[in-house]
Amino acid sequence: MSRAGNQDFGTDRIAKPTTPMGDSTQQSPALATLVRVVDGRDASVHPLLGDHFVIGRDKNCHIQIPDDTSASRKHASVIRQGVRFMLEDLGSSNGVIVNGVQIKGAHELRVGDKVEIGKTVFIFRRRVE
């Protein structure tokens, strides 16, 4: 019996990356996603297809949030380590908040984690087959 939507894996949809990554991992399904939430609704899905992602206002970031002046140009990074995804602040002015607590150093993301970068909110989710 399928347990879609269970606590361990979330209920993700697969979407194309918002910016081309230019590597062969685009052909592989995402193990996880960061879902941008606006007004309580899913606004955009960012598949974590590679091993390293930078989040911020800069046009070269993998996940861009250009409309958020509270976010630094290169605010945070997500690094995949096998099936684990580690989030780290890149020395931003306003820090990175996970579930209401500012992180220090590398922080392992868990399904359902609420990630705040500036005024932008993401939810970490796992892909379901």
C-alpha atoms as a PDB file:
ATOM      1  CA  MET A   1       0.000   0.000   0.000  1.00  0.00           C
ATOM      2  CA  SER A   2       1.405   3.390  -1.010  1.00  0.00           C
ATOM      3  CA  ARG A   3       1.990   5.925   1.730  1.00  0.00           C
ATOM      4  CA  ALA A   4       2.182   9.103  -0.361  1.00  0.00           C
ATOM      5  CA  GLY A   5       2.408  12.155   1.803  1.00  0.00           C
ATOM      6  CA  ASN A   6       3.888  10.341   4.791  1.00  0.00           C
ATOM      7  CA  GLN A   7       6.132  12.188   7.219  1.00  0.00           C
ATOM      8  CA  ASP A   8       9.360  10.643   5.908  1.00  0.00           C
ATOM      9  CA  PHE A   9       9.077  11.742   2.305  1.00  0.00           C
ATOM     10  CA  GLY A  10       6.673  14.700   1.957  1.00  0.00           C
ATOM     11  CA  THR A  11       4.513  15.252  -1.103  1.00  0.00           C
ATOM     12  CA  ASP A  12       6.726  16.816  -3.760  1.00  0.00           C
ATOM     13  CA  ARG A  13       6.037  17.424  -7.391  1.00  0.00           C
ATOM     14  CA  ILE A  14       8.911  17.233  -9.840  1.00  0.00           C
ATOM     15  CA  ALA A  15       9.604  20.407 -11.788  1.00  0.00           C
ATOM     16  CA  LYS A  16      12.272  21.691 -14.114  1.00  0.00           C
ATOM     17  CA  PRO A  17      15.001  23.810 -12.525  1.00  0.00           C
ATOM     18  CA  THR A  18      14.315  27.525 -12.545  1.00  0.00           C
ATOM     19  CA  THR A  19      17.741  28.142 -14.098  1.00  0.00           C
ATOM     20  CA  PRO A  20      19.719  25.794 -16.346  1.00  0.00           C
ATOM     21  CA  MET A  21      22.408  23.974 -14.423  1.00  0.00           C
ATOM     22  CA  GLY A  22      24.373  22.799 -17.472  1.00  0.00           C
ATOM     23  CA  ASP A  23      25.319  19.424 -16.062  1.00  0.00           C
ATOM     24  CA  SER A  24      24.253  15.845 -16.632  1.00  0.00           C
ATOM     25  CA  THR A  25      22.334  15.674 -13.357  1.00  0.00           C
ATOM     26  CA  GLN A  26      19.426  17.437 -15.074  1.00  0.00           C
ATOM     27  CA  GLN A  27      18.495  14.074 -16.542  1.00  0.00           C
ATOM     28  CA  SER A  28      18.188  12.478 -13.088  1.00  0.00           C
ATOM     29  CA  PRO A  29      15.132  12.913 -10.898  1.00  0.00           C
ATOM     30  CA  ALA A  30      15.567  15.166  -7.891  1.00  0.00           C
ATOM     31  CA  LEU A  31      15.986  13.518  -4.529  1.00  0.00           C
ATOM     32  CA  ALA A  32      14.655  16.621  -2.832  1.00  0.00           C
ATOM     33  CA  THR A  33      13.242  20.082  -3.484  1.00  0.00           C
ATOM     34  CA  LEU A  34      13.095  23.479  -1.886  1.00  0.00           C
ATOM     35  CA  VAL A  35       9.598  24.863  -2.344  1.00  0.00           C
ATOM     36  CA  ARG A  36       9.215  28.629  -2.125  1.00  0.00           C
ATOM     37  CA  VAL A  37       6.113  29.534  -0.155  1.00  0.00           C
ATOM     38  CA  VAL A  38       4.269  32.828  -0.667  1.00  0.00           C
ATOM     39  CA  ASP A  39       1.120  33.670   1.321  1.00  0.00           C
ATOM     40  CA  GLY A  40       0.897  30.090   2.572  1.00  0.00           C
ATOM     41  CA  ARG A  41       0.915  28.573  -0.920  1.00  0.00           C
ATOM     42  CA  ASP A  42       3.584  26.828  -2.973  1.00  0.00           C
ATOM     43  CA  ALA A  43       4.901  29.475  -5.363  1.00  0.00           C
ATOM     44  CA  SER A  44       7.805  27.661  -7.033  1.00  0.00           C
ATOM     45  CA  VAL A  45       9.542  24.305  -6.823  1.00  0.00           C
ATOM     46  CA  HIS A  46      13.337  24.148  -6.975  1.00  0.00           C
ATOM     47  CA  PRO A  47      14.590  20.581  -7.565  1.00  0.00           C
ATOM     48  CA  LEU A  48      17.943  19.856  -5.960  1.00  0.00           C
ATOM     49  CA  LEU A  49      19.440  17.990  -8.918  1.00  0.00           C
ATOM     50  CA  GLY A  50      23.166  18.451  -8.400  1.00  0.00           C
ATOM     51  CA  ASP A  51      25.579  18.396  -5.488  1.00  0.00           C
ATOM     52  CA  HIS A  52      25.927  22.115  -4.697  1.00  0.00           C
ATOM     53  CA  PHE A  53      23.461  25.005  -4.827  1.00  0.00           C
ATOM     54  CA  VAL A  54      23.842  28.664  -3.944  1.00  0.00           C
ATOM     55  CA  ILE A  55      20.790  30.664  -2.892  1.00  0.00           C
ATOM     56  CA  GLY A  56      20.660  34.443  -3.053  1.00  0.00           C
ATOM     57  CA  ARG A  57      19.967  37.616  -5.029  1.00  0.00           C
ATOM     58  CA  ASP A  58      22.873  37.223  -7.465  1.00  0.00           C
ATOM     59  CA  LYS A  59      21.898  36.322 -11.028  1.00  0.00           C
ATOM     60  CA  ASN A  60      24.434  33.461 -10.946  1.00  0.00           C
ATOM     61  CA  CYS A  61      22.810  31.733  -7.961  1.00  0.00           C
ATOM     62  CA  HIS A  62      21.169  28.372  -8.617  1.00  0.00           C
ATOM     63  CA  ILE A  63      18.097  29.483  -6.673  1.00  0.00           C
ATOM     64  CA  GLN A  64      17.571  33.195  -7.216  1.00  0.00           C
ATOM     65  CA  ILE A  65      15.540  35.480  -4.980  1.00  0.00           C
ATOM     66  CA  PRO A  66      16.197  38.847  -6.678  1.00  0.00           C
ATOM     67  CA  ASP A  67      13.130  40.542  -5.216  1.00  0.00           C
ATOM     68  CA  ASP A  68      14.225  40.085  -1.577  1.00  0.00           C
ATOM     69  CA  THR A  69      16.556  42.907  -0.487  1.00  0.00           C
ATOM     70  CA  SER A  70      16.930  41.213   2.926  1.00  0.00           C
ATOM     71  CA  ALA A  71      18.799  38.377   1.215  1.00  0.00           C
ATOM     72  CA  SER A  72      22.494  38.665   0.437  1.00  0.00           C
ATOM     73  CA  ARG A  73      23.811  38.220  -3.090  1.00  0.00           C
ATOM     74  CA  LYS A  74      25.161  34.799  -2.114  1.00  0.00           C
ATOM     75  CA  HIS A  75      23.254  34.075   1.068  1.00  0.00           C
ATOM     76  CA  ALA A  76      23.349  30.320   1.666  1.00  0.00           C
ATOM     77  CA  SER A  77      24.386  27.042   0.109  1.00  0.00           C
ATOM     78  CA  VAL A  78      22.936  23.543   0.025  1.00  0.00           C
ATOM     79  CA  ILE A  79      25.380  20.686  -0.431  1.00  0.00           C
ATOM     80  CA  ARG A  80      24.238  17.140  -1.131  1.00  0.00           C
ATOM     81  CA  GLN A  81      26.157  14.432   0.709  1.00  0.00           C
ATOM     82  CA  GLY A  82      24.719  11.149  -0.553  1.00  0.00           C
ATOM     83  CA  VAL A  83      21.060  11.347   0.459  1.00  0.00           C
ATOM     84  CA  ARG A  84      21.677  14.111   3.016  1.00  0.00           C
ATOM     85  CA  PHE A  85      21.318  17.810   2.218  1.00  0.00           C
ATOM     86  CA  MET A  86      23.352  20.255   4.292  1.00  0.00           C
ATOM     87  CA  LEU A  87      22.386  23.944   4.503  1.00  0.00           C
ATOM     88  CA  GLU A  88      24.961  26.572   5.439  1.00  0.00           C
ATOM     89  CA  ASP A  89      24.974  30.350   5.765  1.00  0.00           C
ATOM     90  CA  LEU A  90      27.588  31.949   3.482  1.00  0.00           C
ATOM     91  CA  GLY A  91      28.282  34.857   5.854  1.00  0.00           C
ATOM     92  CA  SER A  92      25.067  36.709   5.062  1.00  0.00           C
ATOM     93  CA  SER A  93      24.075  39.892   6.883  1.00  0.00           C
ATOM     94  CA  ASN A  94      20.751  38.513   8.172  1.00  0.00           C
ATOM     95  CA  GLY A  95      21.592  34.833   8.726  1.00  0.00           C
ATOM     96  CA  VAL A  96      19.638  31.713   7.833  1.00  0.00           C
ATOM     97  CA  ILE A  97      16.704  30.609   9.977  1.00  0.00           C
ATOM     98  CA  VAL A  98      15.520  26.976  10.098  1.00  0.00           C
ATOM     99  CA  ASN A  99      12.300  26.284  11.986  1.00  0.00           C
ATOM    100  CA  GLY A 100      12.593  29.600  13.813  1.00  0.00           C
ATOM    101  CA  VAL A 101      16.233  29.160  14.918  1.00  0.00           C
ATOM    102  CA  GLN A 102      19.263  30.814  13.331  1.00  0.00           C
ATOM    103  CA  ILE A 103      21.702  28.141  12.195  1.00  0.00           C
ATOM    104  CA  LYS A 104      25.421  28.129  12.930  1.00  0.00           C
ATOM    105  CA  GLY A 105      27.633  26.038  10.663  1.00  0.00           C
ATOM    106  CA  ALA A 106      26.286  23.224   8.502  1.00  0.00           C
ATOM    107  CA  HIS A 107      22.723  22.129   9.259  1.00  0.00           C
ATOM    108  CA  GLU A 108      21.202  18.891   7.930  1.00  0.00           C
ATOM    109  CA  LEU A 109      17.814  19.545   6.337  1.00  0.00           C
ATOM    110  CA  ARG A 110      14.896  17.348   7.376  1.00  0.00           C
ATOM    111  CA  VAL A 111      11.591  16.880   5.582  1.00  0.00           C
ATOM    112  CA  GLY A 112       9.270  19.779   6.342  1.00  0.00           C
ATOM    113  CA  ASP A 113      11.984  22.152   7.563  1.00  0.00           C
ATOM    114  CA  LYS A 114      11.008  25.797   7.127  1.00  0.00           C
ATOM    115  CA  VAL A 115      14.015  27.715   5.784  1.00  0.00           C
ATOM    116  CA  GLU A 116      13.992  31.516   5.932  1.00  0.00           C
ATOM    117  CA  ILE A 117      16.473  33.434   3.811  1.00  0.00           C
ATOM    118  CA  GLY A 118      15.825  37.128   4.195  1.00  0.00           C
ATOM    119  CA  LYS A 119      12.054  37.433   3.922  1.00  0.00           C
ATOM    120  CA  THR A 120      11.815  34.445   1.585  1.00  0.00           C
ATOM    121  CA  VAL A 121      10.484  31.148   2.945  1.00  0.00           C
ATOM    122  CA  PHE A 122      11.234  27.685   1.581  1.00  0.00           C
ATOM    123  CA  ILE A 123      10.063  24.261   2.725  1.00  0.00           C
ATOM    124  CA  PHE A 124      12.426  21.293   2.300  1.00  0.00           C
ATOM    125  CA  ARG A 125      10.690  18.258   0.814  1.00  0.00           C
ATOM    126  CA  ARG A 126      11.655  14.828  -0.458  1.00  0.00           C
ATOM    127  CA  ARG A 127      10.617  13.362  -3.768  1.00  0.00           C
ATOM    128  CA  VAL A 128       8.117  10.498  -3.791  1.00  0.00           C
ATOM    129  CA  GLU A 129       8.095   7.791  -6.492  1.00  0.00           C
END
